[in-house]
Amino acid sequence: MRIANYDNRAVIVEGPAGAERFYYLDELSGGRFGPQCEDVFDTWEELTSWYGRHTLDESEGAKQVEVSLLGPPSPAPRQVFGVGLNYRDYVETAGIDPPLTLPPIFTKYVSSFSGPVSIVEIPPRTNVDWEIELVVIVGRSGRDISVDGAWSHVAGLTAGQDLSDRVLQNRGPSPQSGLGKSFPGFAPQGPWLVSPDEFDEPDDLGLRCVVNGTTMQSSRTSQMIYSVPMIVSELSKIVKLLPGDVIFTGTPAGVGFARTPPKFLSAGDTVESWIEGIGNLRQTFV
């Protein structure tokens, strides 16, 4: 199942890449689910059961959509988590010791969320960096979730950019990751949520980030130090995960600050991001 946030309404996405069909979820379900995306997660198990019994066809009212009106699949999560230092190639190229226990955890604030196609304003006196990330959206709440049972708590996966101001992030005696990664537009996500059963191997997806036509990051999620099930399990030992919660799972090597010389984004730059089986993001910077 694929669900998108189209102009603040939940839509079911059907069809192959480039020829997708969109159906308003509340219309399909007779008002049972939706209409907004944030409404679907508290009834996720009921929704998936209904979807498994429902056969879609174009006579049910397929819609054409304007990509610029797509928003983040979970637009109003109660909790947002970010995971740092979680790819083997990232810590190796950055000269950082890999975490021996749970990687660093921070938060991004919901006011930084945007959809898959957006214009991002670069704040003054900043060094804005790119970070392609697989994003997990929680579908079923839980505490002390086992690694083996973790995927059953995941509603789906989407693509995200964890845009980061390296000046603010590293200012002062201790890191300010949450603030440095939470300017408006610094958390684009989409184009839609894809449920785990849609993937042949959800723990091994290709991901790529291209800046102005040049590939800067290219890796696979199998290079994570902590896999999606491990992250879900470890977080749930500390907090109760809630439906709609969003988890940024870390970024691979190729970010700007670790380059020689360092490279950061400027007005006029374009960042294109892609994750296998999910789709594309495109951010233009002003």
C-alpha atoms as a PDB file:
ATOM      1  CA  MET A   1       0.000   0.000   0.000  1.00  0.00           C
ATOM      2  CA  ARG A   2       1.130   3.519  -0.836  1.00  0.00           C
ATOM      3  CA  ILE A   3      -0.415   6.558   0.812  1.00  0.00           C
ATOM      4  CA  ALA A   4       0.328  10.169  -0.050  1.00  0.00           C
ATOM      5  CA  ASN A   5      -0.612  13.489   1.497  1.00  0.00           C
ATOM      6  CA  TYR A   6      -2.189  15.441  -1.335  1.00  0.00           C
ATOM      7  CA  ASP A   7      -3.233  18.984  -0.512  1.00  0.00           C
ATOM      8  CA  ASN A   8      -3.851  17.897   3.115  1.00  0.00           C
ATOM      9  CA  ARG A   9      -5.948  14.867   2.110  1.00  0.00           C
ATOM     10  CA  ALA A  10      -4.915  11.218   2.304  1.00  0.00           C
ATOM     11  CA  VAL A  11      -4.811   9.481  -1.077  1.00  0.00           C
ATOM     12  CA  ILE A  12      -4.149   5.890  -2.077  1.00  0.00           C
ATOM     13  CA  VAL A  13      -1.500   5.626  -4.792  1.00  0.00           C
ATOM     14  CA  GLU A  14      -1.764   2.881  -7.407  1.00  0.00           C
ATOM     15  CA  GLY A  15       0.066   2.075 -10.634  1.00  0.00           C
ATOM     16  CA  PRO A  16       3.673   1.988 -11.885  1.00  0.00           C
ATOM     17  CA  ALA A  17       6.209   4.788 -11.507  1.00  0.00           C
ATOM     18  CA  GLY A  18       5.367   7.688 -13.774  1.00  0.00           C
ATOM     19  CA  ALA A  19       1.805   6.479 -14.334  1.00  0.00           C
ATOM     20  CA  GLU A  20       0.429   6.602 -10.792  1.00  0.00           C
ATOM     21  CA  ARG A  21      -3.294   6.883 -10.094  1.00  0.00           C
ATOM     22  CA  PHE A  22      -4.552   8.632  -6.967  1.00  0.00           C
ATOM     23  CA  TYR A  23      -7.780   8.003  -5.043  1.00  0.00           C
ATOM     24  CA  TYR A  24      -9.054  10.013  -2.098  1.00  0.00           C
ATOM     25  CA  LEU A  25      -9.053   7.608   0.828  1.00  0.00           C
ATOM     26  CA  ASP A  26     -12.137   9.030   2.511  1.00  0.00           C
ATOM     27  CA  GLU A  27     -14.148   8.696  -0.708  1.00  0.00           C
ATOM     28  CA  LEU A  28     -12.981   5.114  -1.313  1.00  0.00           C
ATOM     29  CA  SER A  29     -13.783   4.058   2.235  1.00  0.00           C
ATOM     30  CA  GLY A  30     -17.118   5.853   2.518  1.00  0.00           C
ATOM     31  CA  GLY A  31     -15.700   8.175   5.147  1.00  0.00           C
ATOM     32  CA  ARG A  32     -14.281   5.353   7.256  1.00  0.00           C
ATOM     33  CA  PHE A  33     -10.668   6.568   6.932  1.00  0.00           C
ATOM     34  CA  GLY A  34      -9.158  10.012   6.492  1.00  0.00           C
ATOM     35  CA  PRO A  35      -9.745  12.583   5.205  1.00  0.00           C
ATOM     36  CA  GLN A  36      -6.380  13.929   6.394  1.00  0.00           C
ATOM     37  CA  CYS A  37      -3.149  11.916   6.469  1.00  0.00           C
ATOM     38  CA  GLU A  38      -2.650  12.376  10.205  1.00  0.00           C
ATOM     39  CA  ASP A  39      -6.038  10.701  10.732  1.00  0.00           C
ATOM     40  CA  VAL A  40      -5.023   7.355   9.229  1.00  0.00           C
ATOM     41  CA  PHE A  41      -2.297   6.243  11.635  1.00  0.00           C
ATOM     42  CA  ASP A  42      -4.444   5.751  14.733  1.00  0.00           C
ATOM     43  CA  THR A  43      -6.521   3.248  12.732  1.00  0.00           C
ATOM     44  CA  TRP A  44      -3.612   1.778  10.755  1.00  0.00           C
ATOM     45  CA  GLU A  45      -4.300  -1.901  11.439  1.00  0.00           C
ATOM     46  CA  GLU A  46      -7.967  -1.467  10.546  1.00  0.00           C
ATOM     47  CA  LEU A  47      -6.981   0.417   7.392  1.00  0.00           C
ATOM     48  CA  THR A  48      -4.542  -2.248   6.201  1.00  0.00           C
ATOM     49  CA  SER A  49      -7.121  -4.961   6.804  1.00  0.00           C
ATOM     50  CA  TRP A  50      -9.706  -3.011   4.776  1.00  0.00           C
ATOM     51  CA  TYR A  51      -7.208  -2.308   1.976  1.00  0.00           C
ATOM     52  CA  GLY A  52      -6.321  -5.991   1.722  1.00  0.00           C
ATOM     53  CA  ARG A  53      -9.961  -6.767   0.929  1.00  0.00           C
ATOM     54  CA  HIS A  54     -10.563  -3.836  -1.433  1.00  0.00           C
ATOM     55  CA  THR A  55      -9.955  -4.009  -5.185  1.00  0.00           C
ATOM     56  CA  LEU A  56      -9.329  -0.658  -6.847  1.00  0.00           C
ATOM     57  CA  ASP A  57     -10.280   0.232 -10.384  1.00  0.00           C
ATOM     58  CA  GLU A  58     -10.262   3.475 -12.324  1.00  0.00           C
ATOM     59  CA  SER A  59     -14.055   3.716 -12.210  1.00  0.00           C
ATOM     60  CA  GLU A  60     -13.745   4.641  -8.526  1.00  0.00           C
ATOM     61  CA  GLY A  61     -12.484   8.096  -9.410  1.00  0.00           C
ATOM     62  CA  ALA A  62      -8.767   8.208 -10.139  1.00  0.00           C
ATOM     63  CA  LYS A  63      -7.376  11.742  -9.780  1.00  0.00           C
ATOM     64  CA  GLN A  64      -4.531  13.573 -11.464  1.00  0.00           C
ATOM     65  CA  VAL A  65      -2.290  15.331  -8.950  1.00  0.00           C
ATOM     66  CA  GLU A  66       0.049  18.292  -8.992  1.00  0.00           C
ATOM     67  CA  VAL A  67       3.313  17.054  -7.443  1.00  0.00           C
ATOM     68  CA  SER A  68       3.983  20.432  -5.836  1.00  0.00           C
ATOM     69  CA  LEU A  69       0.871  19.911  -3.673  1.00  0.00           C
ATOM     70  CA  LEU A  70       2.159  16.677  -2.114  1.00  0.00           C
ATOM     71  CA  GLY A  71       3.035  17.069   1.559  1.00  0.00           C
ATOM     72  CA  PRO A  72       4.912  14.879   4.055  1.00  0.00           C
ATOM     73  CA  PRO A  73       3.134  11.518   4.481  1.00  0.00           C
ATOM     74  CA  SER A  74       2.888  11.947   8.271  1.00  0.00           C
ATOM     75  CA  PRO A  75       2.462  15.708   8.618  1.00  0.00           C
ATOM     76  CA  ALA A  76       1.711  15.981  12.347  1.00  0.00           C
ATOM     77  CA  PRO A  77       3.659  13.333  14.283  1.00  0.00           C
ATOM     78  CA  ARG A  78       3.709  13.485  18.052  1.00  0.00           C
ATOM     79  CA  GLN A  79       7.376  12.455  18.078  1.00  0.00           C
ATOM     80  CA  VAL A  80      10.194  12.899  15.545  1.00  0.00           C
ATOM     81  CA  PHE A  81      13.507  11.101  15.957  1.00  0.00           C
ATOM     82  CA  GLY A  82      16.802  11.441  14.111  1.00  0.00           C
ATOM     83  CA  VAL A  83      19.623   8.903  14.161  1.00  0.00           C
ATOM     84  CA  GLY A  84      23.251   9.962  13.740  1.00  0.00           C
ATOM     85  CA  LEU A  85      26.442   8.084  12.775  1.00  0.00           C
ATOM     86  CA  ASN A  86      24.442   5.132  11.445  1.00  0.00           C
ATOM     87  CA  TYR A  87      26.213   4.183   8.177  1.00  0.00           C
ATOM     88  CA  ARG A  88      29.518   2.331   8.099  1.00  0.00           C
ATOM     89  CA  ASP A  89      30.853   4.336   5.132  1.00  0.00           C
ATOM     90  CA  TYR A  90      29.863   7.628   6.818  1.00  0.00           C
ATOM     91  CA  VAL A  91      31.827   7.023  10.019  1.00  0.00           C
ATOM     92  CA  GLU A  92      34.796   5.632   8.071  1.00  0.00           C
ATOM     93  CA  THR A  93      35.131   8.598   5.701  1.00  0.00           C
ATOM     94  CA  ALA A  94      34.473  11.118   8.496  1.00  0.00           C
ATOM     95  CA  GLY A  95      37.154   9.512  10.678  1.00  0.00           C
ATOM     96  CA  ILE A  96      34.676   8.905  13.497  1.00  0.00           C
ATOM     97  CA  ASP A  97      34.582   5.823  15.696  1.00  0.00           C
ATOM     98  CA  PRO A  98      31.364   3.875  15.059  1.00  0.00           C
ATOM     99  CA  PRO A  99      28.935   3.817  17.997  1.00  0.00           C
ATOM    100  CA  LEU A 100      29.281   0.735  20.168  1.00  0.00           C
ATOM    101  CA  THR A 101      25.774   1.135  21.575  1.00  0.00           C
ATOM    102  CA  LEU A 102      22.712   3.040  20.313  1.00  0.00           C
ATOM    103  CA  PRO A 103      23.809   5.788  17.868  1.00  0.00           C
ATOM    104  CA  PRO A 104      23.207   9.435  18.799  1.00  0.00           C
ATOM    105  CA  ILE A 105      19.501  10.287  18.836  1.00  0.00           C
ATOM    106  CA  PHE A 106      18.148  13.806  18.309  1.00  0.00           C
ATOM    107  CA  THR A 107      14.895  15.348  17.147  1.00  0.00           C
ATOM    108  CA  LYS A 108      13.790  17.460  14.215  1.00  0.00           C
ATOM    109  CA  TYR A 109      10.840  19.762  14.824  1.00  0.00           C
ATOM    110  CA  VAL A 110       7.607  19.380  12.870  1.00  0.00           C
ATOM    111  CA  SER A 111       7.712  22.998  11.667  1.00  0.00           C
ATOM    112  CA  SER A 112      10.642  21.946   9.438  1.00  0.00           C
ATOM    113  CA  PHE A 113       8.494  19.415   7.511  1.00  0.00           C
ATOM    114  CA  SER A 114       7.658  19.872   3.838  1.00  0.00           C
ATOM    115  CA  GLY A 115       6.649  17.793   0.850  1.00  0.00           C
ATOM    116  CA  PRO A 116       8.818  16.134  -1.801  1.00  0.00           C
ATOM    117  CA  VAL A 117       9.103  19.166  -4.112  1.00  0.00           C
ATOM    118  CA  SER A 118       9.932  22.431  -2.373  1.00  0.00           C
ATOM    119  CA  ILE A 119      11.841  25.679  -2.305  1.00  0.00           C
ATOM    120  CA  VAL A 120      14.144  26.043   0.715  1.00  0.00           C
ATOM    121  CA  GLU A 121      15.359  29.402   1.954  1.00  0.00           C
ATOM    122  CA  ILE A 122      18.968  29.356   3.140  1.00  0.00           C
ATOM    123  CA  PRO A 123      19.183  31.193   6.488  1.00  0.00           C
ATOM    124  CA  PRO A 124      21.907  33.857   6.901  1.00  0.00           C
ATOM    125  CA  ARG A 125      25.300  32.871   8.319  1.00  0.00           C
ATOM    126  CA  THR A 126      24.749  29.149   7.794  1.00  0.00           C
ATOM    127  CA  ASN A 127      26.492  26.239   6.087  1.00  0.00           C
ATOM    128  CA  VAL A 128      23.627  24.101   4.807  1.00  0.00           C
ATOM    129  CA  ASP A 129      24.448  20.460   4.109  1.00  0.00           C
ATOM    130  CA  TRP A 130      22.498  17.609   2.475  1.00  0.00           C
ATOM    131  CA  GLU A 131      21.702  14.200   4.011  1.00  0.00           C
ATOM    132  CA  ILE A 132      19.577  11.672   2.124  1.00  0.00           C
ATOM    133  CA  GLU A 133      17.790   9.401   4.618  1.00  0.00           C
ATOM    134  CA  LEU A 134      15.336   6.541   4.754  1.00  0.00           C
ATOM    135  CA  VAL A 135      12.430   7.683   6.934  1.00  0.00           C
ATOM    136  CA  VAL A 136      10.300   5.293   8.995  1.00  0.00           C
ATOM    137  CA  ILE A 137       6.687   6.063   9.915  1.00  0.00           C
ATOM    138  CA  VAL A 138       5.251   4.166  12.875  1.00  0.00           C
ATOM    139  CA  GLY A 139       1.872   2.479  12.408  1.00  0.00           C
ATOM    140  CA  ARG A 140       1.348   0.648  15.694  1.00  0.00           C
ATOM    141  CA  SER A 141       2.294   1.923  19.128  1.00  0.00           C
ATOM    142  CA  GLY A 142       4.518  -0.083  21.424  1.00  0.00           C
ATOM    143  CA  ARG A 143       7.046  -0.314  24.219  1.00  0.00           C
ATOM    144  CA  ASP A 144       9.902  -2.806  24.516  1.00  0.00           C
ATOM    145  CA  ILE A 145       9.382  -4.001  20.945  1.00  0.00           C
ATOM    146  CA  SER A 146      11.543  -6.952  19.938  1.00  0.00           C
ATOM    147  CA  VAL A 147      13.812  -6.721  16.903  1.00  0.00           C
ATOM    148  CA  ASP A 148      11.968  -9.643  15.322  1.00  0.00           C
ATOM    149  CA  GLY A 149       8.620  -7.915  15.826  1.00  0.00           C
ATOM    150  CA  ALA A 150       9.669  -4.407  14.867  1.00  0.00           C
ATOM    151  CA  TRP A 151       8.504  -4.396  11.237  1.00  0.00           C
ATOM    152  CA  SER A 152       4.944  -5.111  12.402  1.00  0.00           C
ATOM    153  CA  HIS A 153       4.971  -1.693  14.114  1.00  0.00           C
ATOM    154  CA  VAL A 154       6.031   0.138  10.936  1.00  0.00           C
ATOM    155  CA  ALA A 155       3.320   1.677   8.770  1.00  0.00           C
ATOM    156  CA  GLY A 156       5.752   2.393   5.966  1.00  0.00           C
ATOM    157  CA  LEU A 157       8.879   3.995   4.615  1.00  0.00           C
ATOM    158  CA  THR A 158       9.451   7.234   2.770  1.00  0.00           C
ATOM    159  CA  ALA A 159      12.377   9.302   1.500  1.00  0.00           C
ATOM    160  CA  GLY A 160      13.672  12.295   3.411  1.00  0.00           C
ATOM    161  CA  GLN A 161      16.356  14.942   3.475  1.00  0.00           C
ATOM    162  CA  ASP A 162      17.828  15.787   6.878  1.00  0.00           C
ATOM    163  CA  LEU A 163      19.078  19.214   5.818  1.00  0.00           C
ATOM    164  CA  SER A 164      21.530  20.555   8.369  1.00  0.00           C
ATOM    165  CA  ASP A 165      23.091  23.886   9.279  1.00  0.00           C
ATOM    166  CA  ARG A 166      26.589  22.826  10.335  1.00  0.00           C
ATOM    167  CA  VAL A 167      27.314  26.208  11.978  1.00  0.00           C
ATOM    168  CA  LEU A 168      24.434  26.051  14.461  1.00  0.00           C
ATOM    169  CA  GLN A 169      24.670  22.283  14.833  1.00  0.00           C
ATOM    170  CA  ASN A 170      28.270  22.514  16.089  1.00  0.00           C
ATOM    171  CA  ARG A 171      28.104  25.833  17.932  1.00  0.00           C
ATOM    172  CA  GLY A 172      28.803  25.997  21.647  1.00  0.00           C
ATOM    173  CA  PRO A 173      29.989  23.423  24.165  1.00  0.00           C
ATOM    174  CA  SER A 174      27.527  20.703  23.058  1.00  0.00           C
ATOM    175  CA  PRO A 175      25.846  19.845  19.738  1.00  0.00           C
ATOM    176  CA  GLN A 176      22.629  21.621  18.719  1.00  0.00           C
ATOM    177  CA  SER A 177      21.518  18.978  16.236  1.00  0.00           C
ATOM    178  CA  GLY A 178      17.804  19.482  16.843  1.00  0.00           C
ATOM    179  CA  LEU A 179      17.872  23.213  16.153  1.00  0.00           C
ATOM    180  CA  GLY A 180      20.507  23.018  13.415  1.00  0.00           C
ATOM    181  CA  LYS A 181      18.295  20.597  11.478  1.00  0.00           C
ATOM    182  CA  SER A 182      14.952  22.336  11.976  1.00  0.00           C
ATOM    183  CA  PHE A 183      14.838  25.557   9.960  1.00  0.00           C
ATOM    184  CA  PRO A 184      11.681  25.833   7.794  1.00  0.00           C
ATOM    185  CA  GLY A 185      11.835  23.346   4.925  1.00  0.00           C
ATOM    186  CA  PHE A 186      14.763  21.383   6.399  1.00  0.00           C
ATOM    187  CA  ALA A 187      12.808  18.096   6.521  1.00  0.00           C
ATOM    188  CA  PRO A 188      11.317  17.407   3.074  1.00  0.00           C
ATOM    189  CA  GLN A 189       9.736  13.958   2.793  1.00  0.00           C
ATOM    190  CA  GLY A 190       7.831  11.866   0.282  1.00  0.00           C
ATOM    191  CA  PRO A 191       6.649  11.415  -2.293  1.00  0.00           C
ATOM    192  CA  TRP A 192       4.525   8.903  -0.349  1.00  0.00           C
ATOM    193  CA  LEU A 193       4.562   6.256   2.339  1.00  0.00           C
ATOM    194  CA  VAL A 194       5.223   2.717   1.083  1.00  0.00           C
ATOM    195  CA  SER A 195       4.223  -0.169   3.360  1.00  0.00           C
ATOM    196  CA  PRO A 196       6.959  -2.753   4.147  1.00  0.00           C
ATOM    197  CA  ASP A 197       5.203  -5.562   2.258  1.00  0.00           C
ATOM    198  CA  GLU A 198       5.711  -3.643  -1.016  1.00  0.00           C
ATOM    199  CA  PHE A 199       9.493  -4.283  -0.876  1.00  0.00           C
ATOM    200  CA  ASP A 200      11.300  -7.508  -1.719  1.00  0.00           C
ATOM    201  CA  GLU A 201      13.890  -6.655   0.941  1.00  0.00           C
ATOM    202  CA  PRO A 202      13.037  -3.583   3.029  1.00  0.00           C
ATOM    203  CA  ASP A 203      16.400  -3.749   4.828  1.00  0.00           C
ATOM    204  CA  ASP A 204      18.385  -3.310   1.594  1.00  0.00           C
ATOM    205  CA  LEU A 205      17.283  -0.321  -0.477  1.00  0.00           C
ATOM    206  CA  GLY A 206      19.416   1.841  -2.737  1.00  0.00           C
ATOM    207  CA  LEU A 207      19.526   5.558  -1.982  1.00  0.00           C
ATOM    208  CA  ARG A 208      21.140   8.495  -3.765  1.00  0.00           C
ATOM    209  CA  CYS A 209      21.578  12.262  -3.445  1.00  0.00           C
ATOM    210  CA  VAL A 210      22.492  14.438  -6.450  1.00  0.00           C
ATOM    211  CA  VAL A 211      23.504  18.114  -6.112  1.00  0.00           C
ATOM    212  CA  ASN A 212      23.371  20.208  -9.292  1.00  0.00           C
ATOM    213  CA  GLY A 213      23.594  17.054 -11.412  1.00  0.00           C
ATOM    214  CA  THR A 214      26.552  15.525  -9.526  1.00  0.00           C
ATOM    215  CA  THR A 215      26.034  12.419  -7.409  1.00  0.00           C
ATOM    216  CA  MET A 216      27.202  13.163  -3.866  1.00  0.00           C
ATOM    217  CA  GLN A 217      25.779  10.171  -1.991  1.00  0.00           C
ATOM    218  CA  SER A 218      25.111   6.645  -3.235  1.00  0.00           C
ATOM    219  CA  SER A 219      24.695   3.697  -0.904  1.00  0.00           C
ATOM    220  CA  ARG A 220      22.301   1.037   0.357  1.00  0.00           C
ATOM    221  CA  THR A 221      20.364   0.866   3.593  1.00  0.00           C
ATOM    222  CA  SER A 222      22.001  -2.504   4.285  1.00  0.00           C
ATOM    223  CA  GLN A 223      25.063  -0.402   5.225  1.00  0.00           C
ATOM    224  CA  MET A 224      23.268   0.864   8.323  1.00  0.00           C
ATOM    225  CA  ILE A 225      24.987   0.026  11.598  1.00  0.00           C
ATOM    226  CA  TYR A 226      21.560  -0.099  13.266  1.00  0.00           C
ATOM    227  CA  SER A 227      18.884  -1.492  10.930  1.00  0.00           C
ATOM    228  CA  VAL A 228      15.286  -0.269  10.951  1.00  0.00           C
ATOM    229  CA  PRO A 229      14.152  -3.102  13.284  1.00  0.00           C
ATOM    230  CA  MET A 230      17.069  -2.407  15.643  1.00  0.00           C
ATOM    231  CA  ILE A 231      16.291   1.326  15.750  1.00  0.00           C
ATOM    232  CA  VAL A 232      12.585   0.717  16.433  1.00  0.00           C
ATOM    233  CA  SER A 233      13.410  -1.798  19.144  1.00  0.00           C
ATOM    234  CA  GLU A 234      16.003   0.401  20.879  1.00  0.00           C
ATOM    235  CA  LEU A 235      13.828   3.528  20.833  1.00  0.00           C
ATOM    236  CA  SER A 236      10.889   1.592  22.259  1.00  0.00           C
ATOM    237  CA  LYS A 237      12.970   0.563  25.270  1.00  0.00           C
ATOM    238  CA  ILE A 238      13.043   4.231  26.292  1.00  0.00           C
ATOM    239  CA  VAL A 239       9.862   5.841  24.907  1.00  0.00           C
ATOM    240  CA  LYS A 240       6.477   4.599  23.817  1.00  0.00           C
ATOM    241  CA  LEU A 241       6.351   4.811  20.048  1.00  0.00           C
ATOM    242  CA  LEU A 242       3.090   6.258  18.770  1.00  0.00           C
ATOM    243  CA  PRO A 243       1.198   5.914  15.473  1.00  0.00           C
ATOM    244  CA  GLY A 244       2.444   8.498  12.984  1.00  0.00           C
ATOM    245  CA  ASP A 245       5.822   8.988  14.691  1.00  0.00           C
ATOM    246  CA  VAL A 246       8.616   9.764  12.235  1.00  0.00           C
ATOM    247  CA  ILE A 247      12.163   8.360  12.429  1.00  0.00           C
ATOM    248  CA  PHE A 248      15.026   9.650  10.244  1.00  0.00           C
ATOM    249  CA  THR A 249      17.424   6.689  10.179  1.00  0.00           C
ATOM    250  CA  GLY A 250      20.765   8.292   9.283  1.00  0.00           C
ATOM    251  CA  THR A 251      22.724   9.192   6.168  1.00  0.00           C
ATOM    252  CA  PRO A 252      25.557   7.516   4.203  1.00  0.00           C
ATOM    253  CA  ALA A 253      28.915   8.992   3.217  1.00  0.00           C
ATOM    254  CA  GLY A 254      29.161  11.943   0.853  1.00  0.00           C
ATOM    255  CA  VAL A 255      27.864  14.860   2.906  1.00  0.00           C
ATOM    256  CA  GLY A 256      29.361  18.279   2.278  1.00  0.00           C
ATOM    257  CA  PHE A 257      31.152  18.994   5.558  1.00  0.00           C
ATOM    258  CA  ALA A 258      33.286  15.823   5.239  1.00  0.00           C
ATOM    259  CA  ARG A 259      34.588  16.730   1.763  1.00  0.00           C
ATOM    260  CA  THR A 260      37.979  18.276   0.988  1.00  0.00           C
ATOM    261  CA  PRO A 261      37.423  21.156   0.777  1.00  0.00           C
ATOM    262  CA  PRO A 262      34.005  21.223   2.505  1.00  0.00           C
ATOM    263  CA  LYS A 263      31.056  22.004   0.232  1.00  0.00           C
ATOM    264  CA  PHE A 264      27.747  23.568   1.231  1.00  0.00           C
ATOM    265  CA  LEU A 265      24.563  24.634  -0.538  1.00  0.00           C
ATOM    266  CA  SER A 266      24.070  28.071  -2.075  1.00  0.00           C
ATOM    267  CA  ALA A 267      21.175  29.969  -3.612  1.00  0.00           C
ATOM    268  CA  GLY A 268      20.322  28.482  -7.014  1.00  0.00           C
ATOM    269  CA  ASP A 269      21.423  24.949  -6.083  1.00  0.00           C
ATOM    270  CA  THR A 270      19.169  21.950  -6.627  1.00  0.00           C
ATOM    271  CA  VAL A 271      19.226  18.752  -4.567  1.00  0.00           C
ATOM    272  CA  GLU A 272      17.569  15.634  -5.987  1.00  0.00           C
ATOM    273  CA  SER A 273      17.146  12.579  -3.774  1.00  0.00           C
ATOM    274  CA  TRP A 274      15.977   9.051  -4.540  1.00  0.00           C
ATOM    275  CA  ILE A 275      15.265   5.848  -2.634  1.00  0.00           C
ATOM    276  CA  GLU A 276      14.631   2.542  -4.381  1.00  0.00           C
ATOM    277  CA  GLY A 277      10.985   1.494  -4.378  1.00  0.00           C
ATOM    278  CA  ILE A 278       9.838   4.829  -2.960  1.00  0.00           C
ATOM    279  CA  GLY A 279      10.617   7.693  -5.311  1.00  0.00           C
ATOM    280  CA  ASN A 280      12.166  11.125  -5.634  1.00  0.00           C
ATOM    281  CA  LEU A 281      12.539  14.445  -3.829  1.00  0.00           C
ATOM    282  CA  ARG A 282      13.601  17.729  -5.404  1.00  0.00           C
ATOM    283  CA  GLN A 283      14.624  20.810  -3.419  1.00  0.00           C
ATOM    284  CA  THR A 284      15.631  24.158  -4.901  1.00  0.00           C
ATOM    285  CA  PHE A 285      17.535  26.595  -2.674  1.00  0.00           C
ATOM    286  CA  VAL A 286      17.093  30.383  -2.608  1.00  0.00           C
END
